Amino acid sequence: MAEKKLIIENVSKVFHTPGGHPIEALTDVNAYVEEGEFVTIVGTSGCGKSTLLRIVAGLDAPSGGRILLDGREVGGPGADRGMVFQSYTLYEWLTVYDNIAFGMRLRGASPSEIHDKVRFLIDKVGLAGFDDVYPRFLSGGMKQRVAIARAMANDPKILLLDEPFGALDAQTRTIMQELLLQVAEEQKITVLFVTHDIDEAIFLGDAVYVMSFRPGTIKEEVKIDVPHPRDHEVRTSPFFTEIKRRITQSIREETLKAVEASDASARGLSRRGRSWLARLFG
């Protein structure tokens, strides 16, 4: 039996509006990710996908339950979890090389260790020759390559990605998906990946977690029994089409609930409360 790398145990999360109204974002979330597994998470907007990822990252604390990574409870951010966001979070005043090396320097790695690791990662993500380039001169896809390399520089136990390719054009997005799969497989790294894109979730994932509408929980786990390495032709297979139909229908059911809840909330909340909810859950 494969080792359980990450355990999400009875996790719940409650936020409060500026007026003190409680909003239950997550309830009774239970899941586990095996060593080396690539798990994707999908669901309607506002279902708590990103909230769950932030709790795993230690950026938010759960209201109930716990997160275990290699058997140890997560109590805050740590170098054992690498995080990549949708927005570009590179340090604009640092070069590609120095952005990737940043975390290693903070933890006191030796210059030789930093050099070898950063050079390896730059080559691995296809940025050879861009060591001394600043982020403002990079395309969106190149910036996310740097972000992935930076997240991997400290040899994290798990890589957490929150819609990292959402702002990219379709062709660049496809290339980045294939690159991420290749790197994850070669480095045998465990991945938890949040996305709105069902095709992306199926193509990347060994398993897809479908979340219910708020309060979010794991509604369904769909295993993707497609061997690796994968290429773009997988997307045209009958299996892929059937899995996409199944997940689309599951999310549609939750989207209808979201629309109904939104109408009810609009009638019951103040203008200020609606604005706050929109910012919180996107």
C-alpha atoms as a PDB file:
ATOM      1  CA  MET A   1       0.000   0.000   0.000  1.00  0.00           C
ATOM      2  CA  ALA A   2       1.271   3.472  -0.937  1.00  0.00           C
ATOM      3  CA  GLU A   3       2.264   5.818   1.879  1.00  0.00           C
ATOM      4  CA  LYS A   4      -0.229   8.546   2.827  1.00  0.00           C
ATOM      5  CA  LYS A   5       1.802  11.705   2.352  1.00  0.00           C
ATOM      6  CA  LEU A   6      -0.926  14.199   3.180  1.00  0.00           C
ATOM      7  CA  ILE A   7      -3.980  13.620   5.364  1.00  0.00           C
ATOM      8  CA  ILE A   8      -6.843  16.117   5.519  1.00  0.00           C
ATOM      9  CA  GLU A   9      -8.891  15.162   8.558  1.00  0.00           C
ATOM     10  CA  ASN A  10     -12.348  16.601   9.344  1.00  0.00           C
ATOM     11  CA  VAL A  11     -11.296  20.090   8.241  1.00  0.00           C
ATOM     12  CA  SER A  12     -13.771  22.949   8.546  1.00  0.00           C
ATOM     13  CA  LYS A  13     -13.416  26.703   8.106  1.00  0.00           C
ATOM     14  CA  VAL A  14     -15.731  29.531   9.177  1.00  0.00           C
ATOM     15  CA  PHE A  15     -15.243  33.179   8.211  1.00  0.00           C
ATOM     16  CA  HIS A  16     -17.150  36.158   9.584  1.00  0.00           C
ATOM     17  CA  THR A  17     -18.419  39.154   7.632  1.00  0.00           C
ATOM     18  CA  PRO A  18     -17.592  42.667   8.884  1.00  0.00           C
ATOM     19  CA  GLY A  19     -21.010  42.612  10.546  1.00  0.00           C
ATOM     20  CA  GLY A  20     -20.241  39.381  12.382  1.00  0.00           C
ATOM     21  CA  HIS A  21     -22.287  37.057  10.161  1.00  0.00           C
ATOM     22  CA  PRO A  22     -20.679  33.564  10.053  1.00  0.00           C
ATOM     23  CA  ILE A  23     -19.925  32.068   6.640  1.00  0.00           C
ATOM     24  CA  GLU A  24     -19.143  28.353   6.620  1.00  0.00           C
ATOM     25  CA  ALA A  25     -16.578  27.906   3.843  1.00  0.00           C
ATOM     26  CA  LEU A  26     -15.558  24.279   4.466  1.00  0.00           C
ATOM     27  CA  THR A  27     -17.130  21.453   6.420  1.00  0.00           C
ATOM     28  CA  ASP A  28     -15.949  17.952   7.266  1.00  0.00           C
ATOM     29  CA  VAL A  29     -13.313  17.748   4.513  1.00  0.00           C
ATOM     30  CA  ASN A  30     -11.577  14.376   4.565  1.00  0.00           C
ATOM     31  CA  ALA A  31      -9.018  13.229   2.009  1.00  0.00           C
ATOM     32  CA  TYR A  32      -5.525  11.886   1.652  1.00  0.00           C
ATOM     33  CA  VAL A  33      -2.839  12.156  -0.981  1.00  0.00           C
ATOM     34  CA  GLU A  34      -0.347   9.351  -1.499  1.00  0.00           C
ATOM     35  CA  GLU A  35       3.397   9.751  -1.895  1.00  0.00           C
ATOM     36  CA  GLY A  36       4.135  10.927  -5.446  1.00  0.00           C
ATOM     37  CA  GLU A  37       0.456  11.351  -6.341  1.00  0.00           C
ATOM     38  CA  PHE A  38      -0.812  14.280  -8.422  1.00  0.00           C
ATOM     39  CA  VAL A  39      -4.254  15.321  -7.148  1.00  0.00           C
ATOM     40  CA  THR A  40      -6.336  18.059  -8.756  1.00  0.00           C
ATOM     41  CA  ILE A  41      -9.262  19.871  -7.115  1.00  0.00           C
ATOM     42  CA  VAL A  42     -12.210  21.317  -9.042  1.00  0.00           C
ATOM     43  CA  GLY A  43     -15.521  22.869  -8.089  1.00  0.00           C
ATOM     44  CA  THR A  44     -17.766  25.848  -8.619  1.00  0.00           C
ATOM     45  CA  SER A  45     -16.561  29.329  -7.672  1.00  0.00           C
ATOM     46  CA  GLY A  46     -16.800  29.932  -3.942  1.00  0.00           C
ATOM     47  CA  CYS A  47     -16.689  26.258  -2.954  1.00  0.00           C
ATOM     48  CA  GLY A  48     -13.529  26.688  -0.874  1.00  0.00           C
ATOM     49  CA  LYS A  49     -10.886  25.169  -3.178  1.00  0.00           C
ATOM     50  CA  SER A  50      -8.358  27.910  -2.572  1.00  0.00           C
ATOM     51  CA  THR A  51      -9.269  28.122   1.112  1.00  0.00           C
ATOM     52  CA  LEU A  52      -8.476  24.425   1.505  1.00  0.00           C
ATOM     53  CA  LEU A  53      -5.149  24.849  -0.280  1.00  0.00           C
ATOM     54  CA  ARG A  54      -4.223  27.784   1.966  1.00  0.00           C
ATOM     55  CA  ILE A  55      -4.997  25.677   5.033  1.00  0.00           C
ATOM     56  CA  VAL A  56      -2.745  22.887   3.741  1.00  0.00           C
ATOM     57  CA  ALA A  57      -0.056  25.512   3.097  1.00  0.00           C
ATOM     58  CA  GLY A  58      -0.417  26.782   6.663  1.00  0.00           C
ATOM     59  CA  LEU A  59      -1.396  30.265   5.467  1.00  0.00           C
ATOM     60  CA  ASP A  60      -4.836  29.931   7.103  1.00  0.00           C
ATOM     61  CA  ALA A  61      -5.767  27.938  10.201  1.00  0.00           C
ATOM     62  CA  PRO A  62      -8.728  25.537  10.097  1.00  0.00           C
ATOM     63  CA  SER A  63     -11.677  26.236  12.381  1.00  0.00           C
ATOM     64  CA  GLY A  64     -11.802  22.518  13.060  1.00  0.00           C
ATOM     65  CA  GLY A  65      -9.921  19.372  12.086  1.00  0.00           C
ATOM     66  CA  ARG A  66      -6.274  19.110  11.141  1.00  0.00           C
ATOM     67  CA  ILE A  67      -3.754  18.638   8.336  1.00  0.00           C
ATOM     68  CA  LEU A  68      -1.027  16.002   8.633  1.00  0.00           C
ATOM     69  CA  LEU A  69       2.043  15.994   6.390  1.00  0.00           C
ATOM     70  CA  ASP A  70       4.218  12.919   6.834  1.00  0.00           C
ATOM     71  CA  GLY A  71       2.379  12.302  10.088  1.00  0.00           C
ATOM     72  CA  ARG A  72       3.104  15.753  11.549  1.00  0.00           C
ATOM     73  CA  GLU A  73       0.351  18.304  12.091  1.00  0.00           C
ATOM     74  CA  VAL A  74       0.612  21.494  10.038  1.00  0.00           C
ATOM     75  CA  GLY A  75       0.616  24.552  12.297  1.00  0.00           C
ATOM     76  CA  GLY A  76       1.778  27.261   9.920  1.00  0.00           C
ATOM     77  CA  PRO A  77       3.790  27.906   6.746  1.00  0.00           C
ATOM     78  CA  GLY A  78       6.922  25.847   6.197  1.00  0.00           C
ATOM     79  CA  ALA A  79       9.617  25.036   3.672  1.00  0.00           C
ATOM     80  CA  ASP A  80       8.235  21.494   3.428  1.00  0.00           C
ATOM     81  CA  ARG A  81       5.391  22.929   1.301  1.00  0.00           C
ATOM     82  CA  GLY A  82       6.082  24.782  -1.940  1.00  0.00           C
ATOM     83  CA  MET A  83       3.331  27.175  -3.072  1.00  0.00           C
ATOM     84  CA  VAL A  84       2.610  28.614  -6.527  1.00  0.00           C
ATOM     85  CA  PHE A  85      -0.192  31.159  -6.986  1.00  0.00           C
ATOM     86  CA  GLN A  86      -2.131  32.312 -10.038  1.00  0.00           C
ATOM     87  CA  SER A  87      -0.871  35.873  -9.675  1.00  0.00           C
ATOM     88  CA  TYR A  88       2.762  36.474 -10.468  1.00  0.00           C
ATOM     89  CA  THR A  89       4.561  36.588  -7.117  1.00  0.00           C
ATOM     90  CA  LEU A  90       8.172  36.953  -8.234  1.00  0.00           C
ATOM     91  CA  TYR A  91      10.408  39.596  -6.691  1.00  0.00           C
ATOM     92  CA  GLU A  92      10.698  42.187  -9.439  1.00  0.00           C
ATOM     93  CA  TRP A  93      14.068  43.456  -8.178  1.00  0.00           C
ATOM     94  CA  LEU A  94      15.663  39.988  -8.369  1.00  0.00           C
ATOM     95  CA  THR A  95      16.852  38.097 -11.432  1.00  0.00           C
ATOM     96  CA  VAL A  96      15.539  34.673 -12.413  1.00  0.00           C
ATOM     97  CA  TYR A  97      18.511  33.067 -10.667  1.00  0.00           C
ATOM     98  CA  ASP A  98      18.083  35.083  -7.475  1.00  0.00           C
ATOM     99  CA  ASN A  99      14.323  34.531  -7.335  1.00  0.00           C
ATOM    100  CA  ILE A 100      14.848  30.779  -7.405  1.00  0.00           C
ATOM    101  CA  ALA A 101      17.710  30.982  -4.901  1.00  0.00           C
ATOM    102  CA  PHE A 102      15.826  33.242  -2.468  1.00  0.00           C
ATOM    103  CA  GLY A 103      14.425  30.556  -0.163  1.00  0.00           C
ATOM    104  CA  MET A 104      17.648  28.559  -0.137  1.00  0.00           C
ATOM    105  CA  ARG A 105      19.579  31.618   1.020  1.00  0.00           C
ATOM    106  CA  LEU A 106      17.064  32.234   3.797  1.00  0.00           C
ATOM    107  CA  ARG A 107      17.614  28.758   5.192  1.00  0.00           C
ATOM    108  CA  GLY A 108      21.395  29.140   5.013  1.00  0.00           C
ATOM    109  CA  ALA A 109      22.270  26.829   2.135  1.00  0.00           C
ATOM    110  CA  SER A 110      25.879  26.966   0.990  1.00  0.00           C
ATOM    111  CA  PRO A 111      26.794  28.889  -2.192  1.00  0.00           C
ATOM    112  CA  SER A 112      27.775  25.666  -3.957  1.00  0.00           C
ATOM    113  CA  GLU A 113      24.501  23.963  -3.000  1.00  0.00           C
ATOM    114  CA  ILE A 114      22.540  26.983  -4.204  1.00  0.00           C
ATOM    115  CA  HIS A 115      24.435  27.143  -7.491  1.00  0.00           C
ATOM    116  CA  ASP A 116      23.996  23.456  -8.288  1.00  0.00           C
ATOM    117  CA  LYS A 117      20.310  23.381  -7.350  1.00  0.00           C
ATOM    118  CA  VAL A 118      19.349  26.603  -9.115  1.00  0.00           C
ATOM    119  CA  ARG A 119      21.228  25.664 -12.276  1.00  0.00           C
ATOM    120  CA  PHE A 120      19.508  22.265 -12.274  1.00  0.00           C
ATOM    121  CA  LEU A 121      16.046  23.816 -11.870  1.00  0.00           C
ATOM    122  CA  ILE A 122      16.629  26.517 -14.480  1.00  0.00           C
ATOM    123  CA  ASP A 123      17.500  23.824 -17.000  1.00  0.00           C
ATOM    124  CA  LYS A 124      14.618  21.609 -15.845  1.00  0.00           C
ATOM    125  CA  VAL A 125      11.946  24.272 -16.433  1.00  0.00           C
ATOM    126  CA  GLY A 126      13.411  25.341 -19.767  1.00  0.00           C
ATOM    127  CA  LEU A 127      14.898  28.717 -18.815  1.00  0.00           C
ATOM    128  CA  ALA A 128      18.550  28.127 -19.690  1.00  0.00           C
ATOM    129  CA  GLY A 129      20.132  31.439 -20.661  1.00  0.00           C
ATOM    130  CA  PHE A 130      17.700  33.538 -18.614  1.00  0.00           C
ATOM    131  CA  ASP A 131      19.626  33.464 -15.310  1.00  0.00           C
ATOM    132  CA  ASP A 132      20.259  37.228 -15.212  1.00  0.00           C
ATOM    133  CA  VAL A 133      16.920  38.376 -16.635  1.00  0.00           C
ATOM    134  CA  TYR A 134      14.469  40.356 -14.465  1.00  0.00           C
ATOM    135  CA  PRO A 135      10.775  39.354 -14.251  1.00  0.00           C
ATOM    136  CA  ARG A 136       9.537  42.441 -16.126  1.00  0.00           C
ATOM    137  CA  PHE A 137      11.180  41.085 -19.272  1.00  0.00           C
ATOM    138  CA  LEU A 138       9.539  37.645 -19.016  1.00  0.00           C
ATOM    139  CA  SER A 139       6.270  36.404 -20.503  1.00  0.00           C
ATOM    140  CA  GLY A 140       3.532  35.076 -18.230  1.00  0.00           C
ATOM    141  CA  GLY A 141       4.476  31.480 -18.941  1.00  0.00           C
ATOM    142  CA  MET A 142       8.135  32.142 -18.197  1.00  0.00           C
ATOM    143  CA  LYS A 143       7.252  33.843 -14.911  1.00  0.00           C
ATOM    144  CA  GLN A 144       5.307  30.781 -13.813  1.00  0.00           C
ATOM    145  CA  ARG A 145       8.244  28.562 -14.772  1.00  0.00           C
ATOM    146  CA  VAL A 146      10.369  30.611 -12.389  1.00  0.00           C
ATOM    147  CA  ALA A 147       7.674  30.363  -9.704  1.00  0.00           C
ATOM    148  CA  ILE A 148       7.550  26.569 -10.021  1.00  0.00           C
ATOM    149  CA  ALA A 149      11.345  26.327  -9.877  1.00  0.00           C
ATOM    150  CA  ARG A 150      11.427  28.593  -6.819  1.00  0.00           C
ATOM    151  CA  ALA A 151       8.781  26.482  -5.083  1.00  0.00           C
ATOM    152  CA  MET A 152      10.836  23.342  -5.728  1.00  0.00           C
ATOM    153  CA  ALA A 153      14.187  24.812  -4.696  1.00  0.00           C
ATOM    154  CA  ASN A 154      13.807  23.818  -1.043  1.00  0.00           C
ATOM    155  CA  ASP A 155      12.888  20.222  -1.942  1.00  0.00           C
ATOM    156  CA  PRO A 156       9.348  20.488  -0.535  1.00  0.00           C
ATOM    157  CA  LYS A 157       7.487  17.369   0.525  1.00  0.00           C
ATOM    158  CA  ILE A 158       4.473  18.573  -1.436  1.00  0.00           C
ATOM    159  CA  LEU A 159       3.888  21.168  -4.159  1.00  0.00           C
ATOM    160  CA  LEU A 160       0.708  23.264  -3.839  1.00  0.00           C
ATOM    161  CA  LEU A 161      -0.556  25.158  -6.884  1.00  0.00           C
ATOM    162  CA  ASP A 162      -3.547  27.511  -6.925  1.00  0.00           C
ATOM    163  CA  GLU A 163      -4.655  27.975 -10.546  1.00  0.00           C
ATOM    164  CA  PRO A 164      -1.091  28.766 -11.651  1.00  0.00           C
ATOM    165  CA  PHE A 165      -1.914  28.761 -15.367  1.00  0.00           C
ATOM    166  CA  GLY A 166      -5.248  30.598 -15.194  1.00  0.00           C
ATOM    167  CA  ALA A 167      -3.935  33.830 -16.713  1.00  0.00           C
ATOM    168  CA  LEU A 168      -2.066  32.181 -19.599  1.00  0.00           C
ATOM    169  CA  ASP A 169      -3.223  31.833 -23.194  1.00  0.00           C
ATOM    170  CA  ALA A 170      -4.416  28.395 -24.313  1.00  0.00           C
ATOM    171  CA  GLN A 171      -1.233  27.320 -26.111  1.00  0.00           C
ATOM    172  CA  THR A 172       1.105  28.444 -23.334  1.00  0.00           C
ATOM    173  CA  ARG A 173      -1.165  26.800 -20.785  1.00  0.00           C
ATOM    174  CA  THR A 174      -0.953  23.453 -22.590  1.00  0.00           C
ATOM    175  CA  ILE A 175       2.845  23.656 -22.735  1.00  0.00           C
ATOM    176  CA  MET A 176       3.021  24.511 -19.027  1.00  0.00           C
ATOM    177  CA  GLN A 177       0.755  21.599 -18.132  1.00  0.00           C
ATOM    178  CA  GLU A 178       3.005  19.176 -19.988  1.00  0.00           C
ATOM    179  CA  LEU A 179       6.103  20.728 -18.392  1.00  0.00           C
ATOM    180  CA  LEU A 180       4.650  20.448 -14.881  1.00  0.00           C
ATOM    181  CA  LEU A 181       3.708  16.809 -15.428  1.00  0.00           C
ATOM    182  CA  GLN A 182       7.196  16.020 -16.689  1.00  0.00           C
ATOM    183  CA  VAL A 183       8.904  17.729 -13.748  1.00  0.00           C
ATOM    184  CA  ALA A 184       6.554  16.149 -11.191  1.00  0.00           C
ATOM    185  CA  GLU A 185       7.108  12.669 -12.626  1.00  0.00           C
ATOM    186  CA  GLU A 186      10.882  13.013 -12.887  1.00  0.00           C
ATOM    187  CA  GLN A 187      11.241  14.474  -9.375  1.00  0.00           C
ATOM    188  CA  LYS A 188       8.607  12.102  -7.939  1.00  0.00           C
ATOM    189  CA  ILE A 189       7.009  15.002  -6.097  1.00  0.00           C
ATOM    190  CA  THR A 190       3.545  14.973  -4.518  1.00  0.00           C
ATOM    191  CA  VAL A 191       1.232  17.644  -5.952  1.00  0.00           C
ATOM    192  CA  LEU A 192      -2.072  19.261  -4.916  1.00  0.00           C
ATOM    193  CA  PHE A 193      -3.389  21.448  -7.747  1.00  0.00           C
ATOM    194  CA  VAL A 194      -6.481  23.708  -7.723  1.00  0.00           C
ATOM    195  CA  THR A 195      -8.120  24.627 -11.031  1.00  0.00           C
ATOM    196  CA  HIS A 196     -11.419  25.733 -12.599  1.00  0.00           C
ATOM    197  CA  ASP A 197     -10.504  23.926 -15.833  1.00  0.00           C
ATOM    198  CA  ILE A 198     -11.922  20.390 -15.998  1.00  0.00           C
ATOM    199  CA  ASP A 199      -9.731  19.391 -18.960  1.00  0.00           C
ATOM    200  CA  GLU A 200      -6.663  20.546 -17.048  1.00  0.00           C
ATOM    201  CA  ALA A 201      -7.733  18.642 -13.936  1.00  0.00           C
ATOM    202  CA  ILE A 202      -8.180  15.377 -15.837  1.00  0.00           C
ATOM    203  CA  PHE A 203      -5.012  15.720 -17.914  1.00  0.00           C
ATOM    204  CA  LEU A 204      -2.796  16.418 -14.904  1.00  0.00           C
ATOM    205  CA  GLY A 205      -4.397  14.377 -12.169  1.00  0.00           C
ATOM    206  CA  ASP A 206      -3.980  10.843 -10.939  1.00  0.00           C
ATOM    207  CA  ALA A 207      -7.184  11.685  -9.082  1.00  0.00           C
ATOM    208  CA  VAL A 208      -9.661  14.564  -9.288  1.00  0.00           C
ATOM    209  CA  TYR A 209     -11.460  15.788  -6.166  1.00  0.00           C
ATOM    210  CA  VAL A 210     -14.809  17.400  -6.976  1.00  0.00           C
ATOM    211  CA  MET A 211     -15.927  19.803  -4.256  1.00  0.00           C
ATOM    212  CA  SER A 212     -19.496  20.642  -3.316  1.00  0.00           C
ATOM    213  CA  PHE A 213     -20.803  24.177  -3.111  1.00  0.00           C
ATOM    214  CA  ARG A 214     -20.350  26.064   0.134  1.00  0.00           C
ATOM    215  CA  PRO A 215     -19.848  24.796   2.705  1.00  0.00           C
ATOM    216  CA  GLY A 216     -17.338  22.920   0.596  1.00  0.00           C
ATOM    217  CA  THR A 217     -16.470  19.296   1.115  1.00  0.00           C
ATOM    218  CA  ILE A 218     -15.159  16.499  -1.100  1.00  0.00           C
ATOM    219  CA  LYS A 219     -18.246  15.437  -3.038  1.00  0.00           C
ATOM    220  CA  GLU A 220     -16.544  12.893  -5.269  1.00  0.00           C
ATOM    221  CA  GLU A 221     -13.119  11.431  -5.977  1.00  0.00           C
ATOM    222  CA  VAL A 222     -12.518  10.418  -9.585  1.00  0.00           C
ATOM    223  CA  LYS A 223      -9.517   8.212 -10.335  1.00  0.00           C
ATOM    224  CA  ILE A 224      -7.801   8.925 -13.665  1.00  0.00           C
ATOM    225  CA  ASP A 225      -6.488   5.576 -14.856  1.00  0.00           C
ATOM    226  CA  VAL A 226      -4.362   6.918 -17.696  1.00  0.00           C
ATOM    227  CA  PRO A 227      -0.711   5.822 -17.742  1.00  0.00           C
ATOM    228  CA  HIS A 228       2.249   8.182 -17.725  1.00  0.00           C
ATOM    229  CA  PRO A 229       3.825   9.851 -19.578  1.00  0.00           C
ATOM    230  CA  ARG A 230       0.767  11.631 -20.987  1.00  0.00           C
ATOM    231  CA  ASP A 231       0.560  13.861 -24.046  1.00  0.00           C
ATOM    232  CA  HIS A 232      -2.100  16.050 -25.649  1.00  0.00           C
ATOM    233  CA  GLU A 233      -3.642  13.093 -27.525  1.00  0.00           C
ATOM    234  CA  VAL A 234      -5.044  11.824 -24.213  1.00  0.00           C
ATOM    235  CA  ARG A 235      -7.595  14.647 -24.381  1.00  0.00           C
ATOM    236  CA  THR A 236      -9.311  13.110 -27.431  1.00  0.00           C
ATOM    237  CA  SER A 237      -9.700   9.601 -25.992  1.00  0.00           C
ATOM    238  CA  PRO A 238     -13.165   8.161 -25.205  1.00  0.00           C
ATOM    239  CA  PHE A 239     -12.127   7.689 -21.556  1.00  0.00           C
ATOM    240  CA  PHE A 240     -11.189  11.361 -21.230  1.00  0.00           C
ATOM    241  CA  THR A 241     -14.473  12.445 -22.810  1.00  0.00           C
ATOM    242  CA  GLU A 242     -16.539  10.273 -20.477  1.00  0.00           C
ATOM    243  CA  ILE A 243     -14.698  11.422 -17.351  1.00  0.00           C
ATOM    244  CA  LYS A 244     -15.127  15.045 -18.437  1.00  0.00           C
ATOM    245  CA  ARG A 245     -18.878  14.507 -18.921  1.00  0.00           C
ATOM    246  CA  ARG A 246     -19.168  12.970 -15.454  1.00  0.00           C
ATOM    247  CA  ILE A 247     -17.240  15.738 -13.689  1.00  0.00           C
ATOM    248  CA  THR A 248     -18.997  18.486 -15.660  1.00  0.00           C
ATOM    249  CA  GLN A 249     -22.381  17.142 -14.586  1.00  0.00           C
ATOM    250  CA  SER A 250     -21.257  16.908 -10.970  1.00  0.00           C
ATOM    251  CA  ILE A 251     -20.041  20.523 -10.953  1.00  0.00           C
ATOM    252  CA  ARG A 252     -23.174  21.700 -12.766  1.00  0.00           C
ATOM    253  CA  GLU A 253     -25.301  20.364  -9.912  1.00  0.00           C
ATOM    254  CA  GLU A 254     -23.253  22.393  -7.438  1.00  0.00           C
ATOM    255  CA  THR A 255     -23.310  25.487  -9.657  1.00  0.00           C
ATOM    256  CA  LEU A 256     -27.116  25.463  -9.633  1.00  0.00           C
ATOM    257  CA  LYS A 257     -27.004  25.363  -5.834  1.00  0.00           C
ATOM    258  CA  ALA A 258     -24.576  28.284  -5.895  1.00  0.00           C
ATOM    259  CA  VAL A 259     -26.925  30.352  -8.071  1.00  0.00           C
ATOM    260  CA  GLU A 260     -29.835  29.681  -5.734  1.00  0.00           C
ATOM    261  CA  ALA A 261     -27.735  30.545  -2.687  1.00  0.00           C
ATOM    262  CA  SER A 262     -26.455  33.711  -4.353  1.00  0.00           C
ATOM    263  CA  ASP A 263     -29.997  34.903  -5.014  1.00  0.00           C
ATOM    264  CA  ALA A 264     -30.958  34.243  -1.402  1.00  0.00           C
ATOM    265  CA  SER A 265     -27.840  35.958  -0.066  1.00  0.00           C
ATOM    266  CA  ALA A 266     -28.415  38.999  -2.255  1.00  0.00           C
ATOM    267  CA  ARG A 267     -31.823  39.418  -0.672  1.00  0.00           C
ATOM    268  CA  GLY A 268     -30.528  38.944   2.872  1.00  0.00           C
ATOM    269  CA  LEU A 269     -27.131  40.678   2.976  1.00  0.00           C
ATOM    270  CA  SER A 270     -26.235  44.322   3.018  1.00  0.00           C
ATOM    271  CA  ARG A 271     -24.362  45.858   0.089  1.00  0.00           C
ATOM    272  CA  ARG A 272     -21.212  45.909   2.224  1.00  0.00           C
ATOM    273  CA  GLY A 273     -21.633  42.233   3.079  1.00  0.00           C
ATOM    274  CA  ARG A 274     -22.062  41.242  -0.580  1.00  0.00           C
ATOM    275  CA  SER A 275     -18.918  43.157  -1.513  1.00  0.00           C
ATOM    276  CA  TRP A 276     -16.949  41.430   1.251  1.00  0.00           C
ATOM    277  CA  LEU A 277     -18.137  37.970   0.178  1.00  0.00           C
ATOM    278  CA  ALA A 278     -17.190  38.666  -3.439  1.00  0.00           C
ATOM    279  CA  ARG A 279     -13.642  39.553  -2.382  1.00  0.00           C
ATOM    280  CA  LEU A 280     -13.342  36.567  -0.034  1.00  0.00           C
ATOM    281  CA  PHE A 281     -14.571  33.788  -2.291  1.00  0.00           C
ATOM    282  CA  GLY A 282     -13.945  35.263  -5.749  1.00  0.00           C
END
